[in-house]
Amino acid sequence: MVYRLPPLPALRALEAAARHLSFKQAAEELCVTPAAISQQIKVLEEYLGKPLFERLPRSIRLLPAGEAMLPKVREGFECLAAAVEATRAQQTETLNVNAPPGFASRWLMPRLTRFTERYPEIDLRLSGSADNIDNPDTLATHNVDPRTDVSEISIRYGNGDYPGHRVSQIFNPVLVVACSPRLLKGEHPLRTPEDLRWHVLIHDDTVPDQSEHTPWVDWMRAAGVEDIETRKGPRFSNTLAMEAAIDGLGVMLVSRPLIADAVEKGHLVVPFETTIPSRHGYYLVIAEALAERPAVLAFSNWLLQEAVPYR
C-alpha cells in the first residue's frame, strides 16, 4: 500500500504545537526555532488546503480542522513509538551469569567493561554465590526452561563433571602464596618459606575438600618446609580470605589468576616461586538447551578468550 502523507516533521510540529498551544514551547521541545515550527505548520496547511491554527497576538488557537486531525495524529505517533520500543526490546537479551564470589569479584568484574562495550544489546546480570563451588551439600547443576527469554550461564569451581551441560574449562589454576607487602618487612620478614612459621596461615573454607586436606600441607611439602603446623589459622570464605590477606592479617594460598589485579595494583605480593596445582578448576557450564543462543555464545567466546593468558 502506498501512503500519501504530509512530511513527518510537519505532523510532529502540529502535535507539539497543539499540545502546548504555543509555537515557542513546541520549538523548545523539538529543539528548533519558533519560526521553523511556524513554517512546518504552513507546509501542513498548504498540503491540506485549510488552516489548522488561528494566530492570535500572543497565542494560538486550534481550529476545527486541527481539532479533528489531532487525535489520529497522536494515535499514529503512539503506534510508531510502540513499534520502535518493541523492536528495541527484541534486540535486548537478558543474560544471567552465576559464578563463585571470588571469581566474580576478583577476576570477572575487572574485565566486564570490555564485554558490555562490545555487546551493549545484552542485558548482563552477574551474581556471586558459594553454591557455584562444588561440595556435597550443593547441587552442581540446575534445571532450565528453554522457553524463557532469560539465558543463564554458570561458572563453577569444581571437577568439571556436569552431565547434560556443555562444559568448557576456563582455567585450571595453580595455587600461590600471597600476602600484603607489609609482611615482607617487620620483625619476621617473609624471605624464605621457612619464615612462614612466624606468620598466620589463612584458610579458605570455600575450597572443596579443604576441611579434610588443607592445601597448605601440599604447598609446604613442595617448598621443602617441615615442622610448621598447617591446620591452625583463621578460616574465611573466599572473598573474605583475600581481604584478610590484603589487610595484613596473614598469608593465604590462592589461585594465581584471582590475584592478578591485586598484585598489579600493589595490594598483594607473591613472595615465593613455589606453586602447587589446584585439585579443581573453573568451568563454564551451560545447559545444552541454551548453548546456541546468541547472547550465550557471545559471552562464552568472550570469556574463554579473556582466560587464554591464564591457562
C-alpha atoms as a PDB file:
ATOM      1  CA  MET A   1       0.000   0.000   0.000  1.00  0.00           C
ATOM      2  CA  VAL A   2       1.237   3.487  -0.914  1.00  0.00           C
ATOM      3  CA  TYR A   3       0.651   6.016   1.860  1.00  0.00           C
ATOM      4  CA  ARG A   4       0.056   9.630   0.808  1.00  0.00           C
ATOM      5  CA  LEU A   5       1.224  11.559   3.823  1.00  0.00           C
ATOM      6  CA  PRO A   6       2.490  15.058   4.515  1.00  0.00           C
ATOM      7  CA  PRO A   7       6.092  15.431   5.753  1.00  0.00           C
ATOM      8  CA  LEU A   8       6.625  13.811   9.158  1.00  0.00           C
ATOM      9  CA  PRO A   9       8.279  16.958  10.658  1.00  0.00           C
ATOM     10  CA  ALA A  10       5.096  18.889   9.862  1.00  0.00           C
ATOM     11  CA  LEU A  11       2.969  16.341  11.711  1.00  0.00           C
ATOM     12  CA  ARG A  12       5.342  16.460  14.695  1.00  0.00           C
ATOM     13  CA  ALA A  13       5.075  20.252  14.705  1.00  0.00           C
ATOM     14  CA  LEU A  14       1.266  20.022  14.672  1.00  0.00           C
ATOM     15  CA  GLU A  15       1.134  17.594  17.591  1.00  0.00           C
ATOM     16  CA  ALA A  16       3.591  19.562  19.751  1.00  0.00           C
ATOM     17  CA  ALA A  17       2.076  22.986  18.964  1.00  0.00           C
ATOM     18  CA  ALA A  18      -1.447  21.724  19.639  1.00  0.00           C
ATOM     19  CA  ARG A  19      -0.393  20.173  22.938  1.00  0.00           C
ATOM     20  CA  HIS A  20       1.352  23.316  24.174  1.00  0.00           C
ATOM     21  CA  LEU A  21      -0.825  25.833  22.285  1.00  0.00           C
ATOM     22  CA  SER A  22       2.453  27.604  21.689  1.00  0.00           C
ATOM     23  CA  PHE A  23       4.884  27.621  18.781  1.00  0.00           C
ATOM     24  CA  LYS A  24       7.647  28.678  21.188  1.00  0.00           C
ATOM     25  CA  GLN A  25       7.188  25.756  23.590  1.00  0.00           C
ATOM     26  CA  ALA A  26       6.816  23.314  20.702  1.00  0.00           C
ATOM     27  CA  ALA A  27      10.088  24.634  19.295  1.00  0.00           C
ATOM     28  CA  GLU A  28      11.858  24.111  22.628  1.00  0.00           C
ATOM     29  CA  GLU A  29      10.595  20.524  22.809  1.00  0.00           C
ATOM     30  CA  LEU A  30      11.686  19.695  19.256  1.00  0.00           C
ATOM     31  CA  CYS A  31      14.976  21.646  19.514  1.00  0.00           C
ATOM     32  CA  VAL A  32      14.165  24.028  16.619  1.00  0.00           C
ATOM     33  CA  THR A  33      13.199  27.709  16.361  1.00  0.00           C
ATOM     34  CA  PRO A  34       9.624  29.023  16.651  1.00  0.00           C
ATOM     35  CA  ALA A  35       9.939  30.207  13.046  1.00  0.00           C
ATOM     36  CA  ALA A  36      10.699  26.625  11.992  1.00  0.00           C
ATOM     37  CA  ILE A  37       7.561  25.386  13.770  1.00  0.00           C
ATOM     38  CA  SER A  38       5.503  28.086  12.082  1.00  0.00           C
ATOM     39  CA  GLN A  39       6.934  27.130   8.697  1.00  0.00           C
ATOM     40  CA  GLN A  40       6.163  23.438   9.232  1.00  0.00           C
ATOM     41  CA  ILE A  41       2.561  24.296  10.164  1.00  0.00           C
ATOM     42  CA  LYS A  42       2.254  26.351   6.972  1.00  0.00           C
ATOM     43  CA  VAL A  43       3.548  23.403   4.938  1.00  0.00           C
ATOM     44  CA  LEU A  44       0.904  21.178   6.516  1.00  0.00           C
ATOM     45  CA  GLU A  45      -1.877  23.725   5.984  1.00  0.00           C
ATOM     46  CA  GLU A  46      -0.938  24.118   2.322  1.00  0.00           C
ATOM     47  CA  TYR A  47      -0.875  20.325   1.937  1.00  0.00           C
ATOM     48  CA  LEU A  48      -4.363  20.047   3.480  1.00  0.00           C
ATOM     49  CA  GLY A  49      -5.761  23.169   1.865  1.00  0.00           C
ATOM     50  CA  LYS A  50      -7.165  24.594   5.090  1.00  0.00           C
ATOM     51  CA  PRO A  51      -5.888  26.401   8.204  1.00  0.00           C
ATOM     52  CA  LEU A  52      -5.197  24.455  11.401  1.00  0.00           C
ATOM     53  CA  PHE A  53      -4.387  27.278  13.822  1.00  0.00           C
ATOM     54  CA  GLU A  54      -5.612  30.803  14.376  1.00  0.00           C
ATOM     55  CA  ARG A  55      -2.633  33.082  15.033  1.00  0.00           C
ATOM     56  CA  LEU A  56      -3.519  35.486  17.844  1.00  0.00           C
ATOM     57  CA  PRO A  57      -1.334  38.405  19.027  1.00  0.00           C
ATOM     58  CA  ARG A  58       0.246  36.445  21.924  1.00  0.00           C
ATOM     59  CA  SER A  59      -1.044  32.901  21.467  1.00  0.00           C
ATOM     60  CA  ILE A  60      -2.508  30.433  19.016  1.00  0.00           C
ATOM     61  CA  ARG A  61      -5.846  28.620  18.909  1.00  0.00           C
ATOM     62  CA  LEU A  62      -6.513  25.248  17.365  1.00  0.00           C
ATOM     63  CA  LEU A  63      -9.178  25.476  14.658  1.00  0.00           C
ATOM     64  CA  PRO A  64     -11.820  22.758  13.993  1.00  0.00           C
ATOM     65  CA  ALA A  65      -9.750  21.133  11.237  1.00  0.00           C
ATOM     66  CA  GLY A  66      -6.814  20.844  13.624  1.00  0.00           C
ATOM     67  CA  GLU A  67      -9.009  19.529  16.426  1.00  0.00           C
ATOM     68  CA  ALA A  68     -10.414  16.848  14.129  1.00  0.00           C
ATOM     69  CA  MET A  69      -6.983  15.788  12.926  1.00  0.00           C
ATOM     70  CA  LEU A  70      -5.090  15.854  16.229  1.00  0.00           C
ATOM     71  CA  PRO A  71      -6.396  12.617  17.883  1.00  0.00           C
ATOM     72  CA  LYS A  72      -5.433  10.455  14.896  1.00  0.00           C
ATOM     73  CA  VAL A  73      -2.032  12.143  14.610  1.00  0.00           C
ATOM     74  CA  ARG A  74      -1.348  11.399  18.276  1.00  0.00           C
ATOM     75  CA  GLU A  75      -2.536   7.811  17.844  1.00  0.00           C
ATOM     76  CA  GLY A  76      -0.195   7.418  14.903  1.00  0.00           C
ATOM     77  CA  PHE A  77       2.816   8.674  16.850  1.00  0.00           C
ATOM     78  CA  GLU A  78       1.925   6.374  19.752  1.00  0.00           C
ATOM     79  CA  CYS A  79       1.823   3.400  17.364  1.00  0.00           C
ATOM     80  CA  LEU A  80       5.179   4.391  15.882  1.00  0.00           C
ATOM     81  CA  ALA A  81       6.722   4.741  19.344  1.00  0.00           C
ATOM     82  CA  ALA A  82       5.320   1.350  20.400  1.00  0.00           C
ATOM     83  CA  ALA A  83       6.748  -0.289  17.274  1.00  0.00           C
ATOM     84  CA  VAL A  84      10.186   1.215  17.925  1.00  0.00           C
ATOM     85  CA  GLU A  85      10.200   0.116  21.580  1.00  0.00           C
ATOM     86  CA  ALA A  86       9.028  -3.382  20.656  1.00  0.00           C
ATOM     87  CA  THR A  87      11.855  -3.706  18.158  1.00  0.00           C
ATOM     88  CA  ARG A  88      14.416  -2.433  20.673  1.00  0.00           C
ATOM     89  CA  ALA A  89      13.111  -4.897  23.272  1.00  0.00           C
ATOM     90  CA  GLN A  90      13.508  -7.754  20.812  1.00  0.00           C
ATOM     91  CA  GLN A  91      17.132  -6.764  20.291  1.00  0.00           C
ATOM     92  CA  THR A  92      17.903  -6.948  24.014  1.00  0.00           C
ATOM     93  CA  GLU A  93      18.546 -10.354  25.554  1.00  0.00           C
ATOM     94  CA  THR A  94      18.888 -10.885  29.277  1.00  0.00           C
ATOM     95  CA  LEU A  95      21.861 -12.997  30.311  1.00  0.00           C
ATOM     96  CA  ASN A  96      22.261 -14.176  33.900  1.00  0.00           C
ATOM     97  CA  VAL A  97      25.789 -15.206  34.878  1.00  0.00           C
ATOM     98  CA  ASN A  98      26.304 -17.026  38.184  1.00  0.00           C
ATOM     99  CA  ALA A  99      29.833 -17.506  39.500  1.00  0.00           C
ATOM    100  CA  PRO A 100      31.788 -18.172  42.696  1.00  0.00           C
ATOM    101  CA  PRO A 101      32.096 -14.915  44.672  1.00  0.00           C
ATOM    102  CA  GLY A 102      35.888 -14.698  44.447  1.00  0.00           C
ATOM    103  CA  PHE A 103      35.936 -15.355  40.716  1.00  0.00           C
ATOM    104  CA  ALA A 104      33.105 -12.875  40.144  1.00  0.00           C
ATOM    105  CA  SER A 105      34.610 -10.015  42.150  1.00  0.00           C
ATOM    106  CA  ARG A 106      38.348 -10.568  41.639  1.00  0.00           C
ATOM    107  CA  TRP A 107      38.655 -11.865  38.091  1.00  0.00           C
ATOM    108  CA  LEU A 108      35.450 -11.321  36.135  1.00  0.00           C
ATOM    109  CA  MET A 109      34.326  -7.876  37.307  1.00  0.00           C
ATOM    110  CA  PRO A 110      37.541  -6.036  36.319  1.00  0.00           C
ATOM    111  CA  ARG A 111      37.106  -7.343  32.760  1.00  0.00           C
ATOM    112  CA  LEU A 112      33.365  -6.959  32.231  1.00  0.00           C
ATOM    113  CA  THR A 113      33.625  -3.463  30.768  1.00  0.00           C
ATOM    114  CA  ARG A 114      35.199  -4.962  27.670  1.00  0.00           C
ATOM    115  CA  PHE A 115      32.215  -7.267  27.243  1.00  0.00           C
ATOM    116  CA  THR A 116      29.499  -4.656  27.853  1.00  0.00           C
ATOM    117  CA  GLU A 117      31.145  -2.209  25.462  1.00  0.00           C
ATOM    118  CA  ARG A 118      31.313  -4.864  22.742  1.00  0.00           C
ATOM    119  CA  TYR A 119      27.761  -6.166  23.313  1.00  0.00           C
ATOM    120  CA  PRO A 120      25.590  -3.266  24.571  1.00  0.00           C
ATOM    121  CA  GLU A 121      22.454  -5.090  23.407  1.00  0.00           C
ATOM    122  CA  ILE A 122      22.947  -7.833  26.033  1.00  0.00           C
ATOM    123  CA  ASP A 123      21.398  -7.115  29.422  1.00  0.00           C
ATOM    124  CA  LEU A 124      24.015  -8.777  31.632  1.00  0.00           C
ATOM    125  CA  ARG A 125      23.255  -9.663  35.250  1.00  0.00           C
ATOM    126  CA  LEU A 126      26.073 -11.078  37.364  1.00  0.00           C
ATOM    127  CA  SER A 127      25.662 -12.770  40.743  1.00  0.00           C
ATOM    128  CA  GLY A 128      28.166 -14.444  43.029  1.00  0.00           C
ATOM    129  CA  SER A 129      27.253 -17.483  45.104  1.00  0.00           C
ATOM    130  CA  ALA A 130      29.160 -20.125  47.029  1.00  0.00           C
ATOM    131  CA  ASP A 131      26.699 -22.630  45.537  1.00  0.00           C
ATOM    132  CA  ASN A 132      28.845 -22.442  42.401  1.00  0.00           C
ATOM    133  CA  ILE A 133      31.656 -24.178  44.271  1.00  0.00           C
ATOM    134  CA  ASP A 134      31.307 -27.952  44.238  1.00  0.00           C
ATOM    135  CA  ASN A 135      30.743 -29.655  47.538  1.00  0.00           C
ATOM    136  CA  PRO A 136      28.462 -32.477  48.702  1.00  0.00           C
ATOM    137  CA  ASP A 137      25.869 -30.074  50.088  1.00  0.00           C
ATOM    138  CA  THR A 138      25.182 -28.168  46.867  1.00  0.00           C
ATOM    139  CA  LEU A 139      23.797 -29.242  43.526  1.00  0.00           C
ATOM    140  CA  ALA A 140      26.273 -28.995  40.670  1.00  0.00           C
ATOM    141  CA  THR A 141      23.573 -28.129  38.124  1.00  0.00           C
ATOM    142  CA  HIS A 142      20.039 -26.845  37.964  1.00  0.00           C
ATOM    143  CA  ASN A 143      17.140 -27.208  35.575  1.00  0.00           C
ATOM    144  CA  VAL A 144      16.421 -24.526  32.994  1.00  0.00           C
ATOM    145  CA  ASP A 145      13.339 -23.741  30.936  1.00  0.00           C
ATOM    146  CA  PRO A 146      14.329 -23.281  27.275  1.00  0.00           C
ATOM    147  CA  ARG A 147      11.102 -21.346  26.650  1.00  0.00           C
ATOM    148  CA  THR A 148      12.126 -18.435  28.855  1.00  0.00           C
ATOM    149  CA  ASP A 149      13.539 -15.222  27.400  1.00  0.00           C
ATOM    150  CA  VAL A 150      16.290 -15.219  30.035  1.00  0.00           C
ATOM    151  CA  SER A 151      19.500 -17.142  29.350  1.00  0.00           C
ATOM    152  CA  GLU A 152      21.678 -18.464  32.156  1.00  0.00           C
ATOM    153  CA  ILE A 153      25.359 -19.325  32.373  1.00  0.00           C
ATOM    154  CA  SER A 154      27.107 -20.875  35.354  1.00  0.00           C
ATOM    155  CA  ILE A 155      30.777 -20.594  36.171  1.00  0.00           C
ATOM    156  CA  ARG A 156      31.704 -23.346  38.590  1.00  0.00           C
ATOM    157  CA  TYR A 157      34.766 -24.219  40.633  1.00  0.00           C
ATOM    158  CA  GLY A 158      34.941 -27.987  40.756  1.00  0.00           C
ATOM    159  CA  ASN A 159      35.893 -31.162  38.925  1.00  0.00           C
ATOM    160  CA  GLY A 160      34.242 -30.358  35.584  1.00  0.00           C
ATOM    161  CA  ASP A 161      31.793 -33.276  35.619  1.00  0.00           C
ATOM    162  CA  TYR A 162      28.371 -31.794  34.890  1.00  0.00           C
ATOM    163  CA  PRO A 163      26.237 -34.235  32.847  1.00  0.00           C
ATOM    164  CA  GLY A 164      23.706 -32.755  30.452  1.00  0.00           C
ATOM    165  CA  HIS A 165      25.610 -29.492  30.148  1.00  0.00           C
ATOM    166  CA  ARG A 166      28.120 -28.060  27.730  1.00  0.00           C
ATOM    167  CA  VAL A 167      31.315 -27.678  29.756  1.00  0.00           C
ATOM    168  CA  SER A 168      34.438 -25.681  28.877  1.00  0.00           C
ATOM    169  CA  GLN A 169      37.421 -25.244  31.167  1.00  0.00           C
ATOM    170  CA  ILE A 170      38.186 -21.585  31.773  1.00  0.00           C
ATOM    171  CA  PHE A 171      41.472 -22.339  33.506  1.00  0.00           C
ATOM    172  CA  ASN A 172      42.883 -24.855  35.964  1.00  0.00           C
ATOM    173  CA  PRO A 173      44.752 -22.505  38.260  1.00  0.00           C
ATOM    174  CA  VAL A 174      47.845 -23.113  40.308  1.00  0.00           C
ATOM    175  CA  LEU A 175      47.902 -22.032  43.940  1.00  0.00           C
ATOM    176  CA  VAL A 176      50.445 -19.494  45.159  1.00  0.00           C
ATOM    177  CA  VAL A 177      51.254 -17.869  48.462  1.00  0.00           C
ATOM    178  CA  ALA A 178      50.039 -14.269  48.652  1.00  0.00           C
ATOM    179  CA  CYS A 179      50.235 -11.617  51.330  1.00  0.00           C
ATOM    180  CA  SER A 180      50.326  -7.911  51.968  1.00  0.00           C
ATOM    181  CA  PRO A 181      53.608  -6.164  51.038  1.00  0.00           C
ATOM    182  CA  ARG A 182      53.826  -5.171  54.708  1.00  0.00           C
ATOM    183  CA  LEU A 183      54.705  -8.744  55.673  1.00  0.00           C
ATOM    184  CA  LEU A 184      57.935  -8.521  53.696  1.00  0.00           C
ATOM    185  CA  LYS A 185      59.192  -6.200  56.406  1.00  0.00           C
ATOM    186  CA  GLY A 186      58.998  -6.052  60.184  1.00  0.00           C
ATOM    187  CA  GLU A 187      60.229  -8.304  62.966  1.00  0.00           C
ATOM    188  CA  HIS A 188      59.881 -11.515  60.926  1.00  0.00           C
ATOM    189  CA  PRO A 189      60.063 -10.532  57.254  1.00  0.00           C
ATOM    190  CA  LEU A 190      58.989 -13.136  54.713  1.00  0.00           C
ATOM    191  CA  ARG A 191      62.197 -14.004  52.864  1.00  0.00           C
ATOM    192  CA  THR A 192      62.124 -17.804  52.658  1.00  0.00           C
ATOM    193  CA  PRO A 193      59.296 -20.360  53.024  1.00  0.00           C
ATOM    194  CA  GLU A 194      60.657 -21.273  56.478  1.00  0.00           C
ATOM    195  CA  ASP A 195      59.686 -17.762  57.651  1.00  0.00           C
ATOM    196  CA  LEU A 196      56.027 -18.794  57.414  1.00  0.00           C
ATOM    197  CA  ARG A 197      56.338 -20.305  60.897  1.00  0.00           C
ATOM    198  CA  TRP A 198      56.166 -16.742  62.238  1.00  0.00           C
ATOM    199  CA  HIS A 199      53.027 -15.826  60.329  1.00  0.00           C
ATOM    200  CA  VAL A 200      49.321 -16.620  60.412  1.00  0.00           C
ATOM    201  CA  LEU A 201      48.152 -19.077  57.761  1.00  0.00           C
ATOM    202  CA  ILE A 202      44.785 -18.047  56.348  1.00  0.00           C
ATOM    203  CA  HIS A 203      42.456 -20.840  55.216  1.00  0.00           C
ATOM    204  CA  ASP A 204      39.831 -20.541  52.504  1.00  0.00           C
ATOM    205  CA  ASP A 205      36.816 -22.517  53.730  1.00  0.00           C
ATOM    206  CA  THR A 206      35.025 -22.383  50.388  1.00  0.00           C
ATOM    207  CA  VAL A 207      37.641 -24.570  48.672  1.00  0.00           C
ATOM    208  CA  PRO A 208      36.360 -28.156  48.123  1.00  0.00           C
ATOM    209  CA  ASP A 209      37.923 -30.779  50.421  1.00  0.00           C
ATOM    210  CA  GLN A 210      39.629 -28.015  52.448  1.00  0.00           C
ATOM    211  CA  SER A 211      38.266 -29.397  55.703  1.00  0.00           C
ATOM    212  CA  GLU A 212      39.768 -32.846  55.021  1.00  0.00           C
ATOM    213  CA  HIS A 213      43.054 -31.879  53.409  1.00  0.00           C
ATOM    214  CA  THR A 214      44.366 -28.339  53.598  1.00  0.00           C
ATOM    215  CA  PRO A 215      46.355 -27.241  50.521  1.00  0.00           C
ATOM    216  CA  TRP A 216      48.934 -25.815  52.913  1.00  0.00           C
ATOM    217  CA  VAL A 217      50.172 -29.388  53.517  1.00  0.00           C
ATOM    218  CA  ASP A 218      50.872 -29.834  49.799  1.00  0.00           C
ATOM    219  CA  TRP A 219      52.489 -26.421  49.465  1.00  0.00           C
ATOM    220  CA  MET A 220      54.815 -26.907  52.448  1.00  0.00           C
ATOM    221  CA  ARG A 221      55.877 -30.278  51.046  1.00  0.00           C
ATOM    222  CA  ALA A 222      56.541 -28.731  47.628  1.00  0.00           C
ATOM    223  CA  ALA A 223      58.563 -25.936  49.242  1.00  0.00           C
ATOM    224  CA  GLY A 224      60.600 -28.409  51.330  1.00  0.00           C
ATOM    225  CA  VAL A 225      59.365 -26.982  54.646  1.00  0.00           C
ATOM    226  CA  GLU A 226      58.775 -29.178  57.694  1.00  0.00           C
ATOM    227  CA  ASP A 227      57.579 -28.722  61.257  1.00  0.00           C
ATOM    228  CA  ILE A 228      55.062 -25.945  60.563  1.00  0.00           C
ATOM    229  CA  GLU A 229      51.554 -26.537  61.841  1.00  0.00           C
ATOM    230  CA  THR A 230      49.327 -26.101  58.802  1.00  0.00           C
ATOM    231  CA  ARG A 231      45.907 -26.685  60.380  1.00  0.00           C
ATOM    232  CA  LYS A 232      45.879 -23.617  62.600  1.00  0.00           C
ATOM    233  CA  GLY A 233      44.775 -20.194  61.490  1.00  0.00           C
ATOM    234  CA  PRO A 234      41.530 -18.345  60.803  1.00  0.00           C
ATOM    235  CA  ARG A 235      39.092 -19.611  58.192  1.00  0.00           C
ATOM    236  CA  PHE A 236      37.161 -17.385  55.836  1.00  0.00           C
ATOM    237  CA  SER A 237      35.101 -17.610  52.712  1.00  0.00           C
ATOM    238  CA  ASN A 238      36.998 -16.858  49.517  1.00  0.00           C
ATOM    239  CA  THR A 239      36.422 -13.105  49.187  1.00  0.00           C
ATOM    240  CA  LEU A 240      36.928 -12.505  52.922  1.00  0.00           C
ATOM    241  CA  ALA A 241      40.116 -14.576  52.924  1.00  0.00           C
ATOM    242  CA  MET A 242      41.564 -12.337  50.251  1.00  0.00           C
ATOM    243  CA  GLU A 243      40.515  -9.186  52.100  1.00  0.00           C
ATOM    244  CA  ALA A 244      42.175 -10.548  55.233  1.00  0.00           C
ATOM    245  CA  ALA A 245      45.415 -11.099  53.329  1.00  0.00           C
ATOM    246  CA  ILE A 246      45.277  -7.609  51.812  1.00  0.00           C
ATOM    247  CA  ASP A 247      44.769  -6.165  55.298  1.00  0.00           C
ATOM    248  CA  GLY A 248      47.899  -7.963  56.535  1.00  0.00           C
ATOM    249  CA  LEU A 249      46.190 -10.456  58.827  1.00  0.00           C
ATOM    250  CA  GLY A 250      48.244 -13.329  57.441  1.00  0.00           C
ATOM    251  CA  VAL A 251      49.307 -15.326  54.412  1.00  0.00           C
ATOM    252  CA  MET A 252      46.951 -17.203  52.105  1.00  0.00           C
ATOM    253  CA  LEU A 253      47.064 -19.802  49.353  1.00  0.00           C
ATOM    254  CA  VAL A 254      45.074 -18.569  46.400  1.00  0.00           C
ATOM    255  CA  SER A 255      44.517 -19.212  42.714  1.00  0.00           C
ATOM    256  CA  ARG A 256      47.024 -17.090  40.822  1.00  0.00           C
ATOM    257  CA  PRO A 257      44.514 -15.658  38.289  1.00  0.00           C
ATOM    258  CA  LEU A 258      42.297 -14.308  41.079  1.00  0.00           C
ATOM    259  CA  ILE A 259      45.033 -12.063  42.457  1.00  0.00           C
ATOM    260  CA  ALA A 260      46.432 -10.785  39.157  1.00  0.00           C
ATOM    261  CA  ASP A 261      44.785  -7.376  39.514  1.00  0.00           C
ATOM    262  CA  ALA A 262      45.559  -7.080  43.247  1.00  0.00           C
ATOM    263  CA  VAL A 263      49.234  -7.816  42.557  1.00  0.00           C
ATOM    264  CA  GLU A 264      49.322  -5.320  39.699  1.00  0.00           C
ATOM    265  CA  LYS A 265      47.879  -2.624  41.980  1.00  0.00           C
ATOM    266  CA  GLY A 266      50.366  -3.441  44.760  1.00  0.00           C
ATOM    267  CA  HIS A 267      47.751  -4.703  47.225  1.00  0.00           C
ATOM    268  CA  LEU A 268      49.235  -8.202  47.317  1.00  0.00           C
ATOM    269  CA  VAL A 269      52.608  -9.778  46.576  1.00  0.00           C
ATOM    270  CA  VAL A 270      53.660 -13.353  45.791  1.00  0.00           C
ATOM    271  CA  PRO A 271      56.785 -13.785  47.945  1.00  0.00           C
ATOM    272  CA  PHE A 272      57.781 -17.281  46.773  1.00  0.00           C
ATOM    273  CA  GLU A 273      58.007 -19.013  43.414  1.00  0.00           C
ATOM    274  CA  THR A 274      56.714 -22.353  44.718  1.00  0.00           C
ATOM    275  CA  THR A 275      53.290 -23.296  43.318  1.00  0.00           C
ATOM    276  CA  ILE A 276      51.051 -26.336  43.551  1.00  0.00           C
ATOM    277  CA  PRO A 277      48.306 -27.368  41.128  1.00  0.00           C
ATOM    278  CA  SER A 278      44.757 -26.846  42.250  1.00  0.00           C
ATOM    279  CA  ARG A 279      42.709 -30.005  42.590  1.00  0.00           C
ATOM    280  CA  HIS A 280      39.832 -28.178  40.913  1.00  0.00           C
ATOM    281  CA  GLY A 281      39.341 -25.784  38.045  1.00  0.00           C
ATOM    282  CA  TYR A 282      36.983 -23.068  36.865  1.00  0.00           C
ATOM    283  CA  TYR A 283      34.467 -24.253  34.290  1.00  0.00           C
ATOM    284  CA  LEU A 284      31.913 -22.617  32.053  1.00  0.00           C
ATOM    285  CA  VAL A 285      28.729 -24.683  32.434  1.00  0.00           C
ATOM    286  CA  ILE A 286      25.788 -24.149  30.063  1.00  0.00           C
ATOM    287  CA  ALA A 287      22.607 -26.171  29.679  1.00  0.00           C
ATOM    288  CA  GLU A 288      22.521 -27.731  26.212  1.00  0.00           C
ATOM    289  CA  ALA A 289      19.096 -26.199  25.572  1.00  0.00           C
ATOM    290  CA  LEU A 290      20.580 -22.682  25.873  1.00  0.00           C
ATOM    291  CA  ALA A 291      24.068 -23.182  24.460  1.00  0.00           C
ATOM    292  CA  GLU A 292      23.363 -21.843  20.956  1.00  0.00           C
ATOM    293  CA  ARG A 293      21.589 -18.645  21.961  1.00  0.00           C
ATOM    294  CA  PRO A 294      23.365 -15.560  20.568  1.00  0.00           C
ATOM    295  CA  ALA A 295      23.957 -13.929  23.964  1.00  0.00           C
ATOM    296  CA  VAL A 296      25.229 -17.183  25.452  1.00  0.00           C
ATOM    297  CA  LEU A 297      27.607 -17.755  22.545  1.00  0.00           C
ATOM    298  CA  ALA A 298      28.836 -14.168  22.689  1.00  0.00           C
ATOM    299  CA  PHE A 299      29.630 -14.351  26.397  1.00  0.00           C
ATOM    300  CA  SER A 300      31.154 -17.833  26.182  1.00  0.00           C
ATOM    301  CA  ASN A 301      33.501 -16.917  23.346  1.00  0.00           C
ATOM    302  CA  TRP A 302      34.491 -13.655  25.026  1.00  0.00           C
ATOM    303  CA  LEU A 303      35.129 -15.289  28.418  1.00  0.00           C
ATOM    304  CA  LEU A 304      37.265 -18.117  27.053  1.00  0.00           C
ATOM    305  CA  GLN A 305      39.316 -15.635  25.042  1.00  0.00           C
ATOM    306  CA  GLU A 306      39.894 -13.494  28.138  1.00  0.00           C
ATOM    307  CA  ALA A 307      41.106 -16.570  30.015  1.00  0.00           C
ATOM    308  CA  VAL A 308      43.757 -17.574  27.441  1.00  0.00           C
ATOM    309  CA  PRO A 309      46.675 -15.777  29.242  1.00  0.00           C
ATOM    310  CA  TYR A 310      45.849 -17.644  32.484  1.00  0.00           C
ATOM    311  CA  ARG A 311      45.865 -21.189  31.149  1.00  0.00           C
END
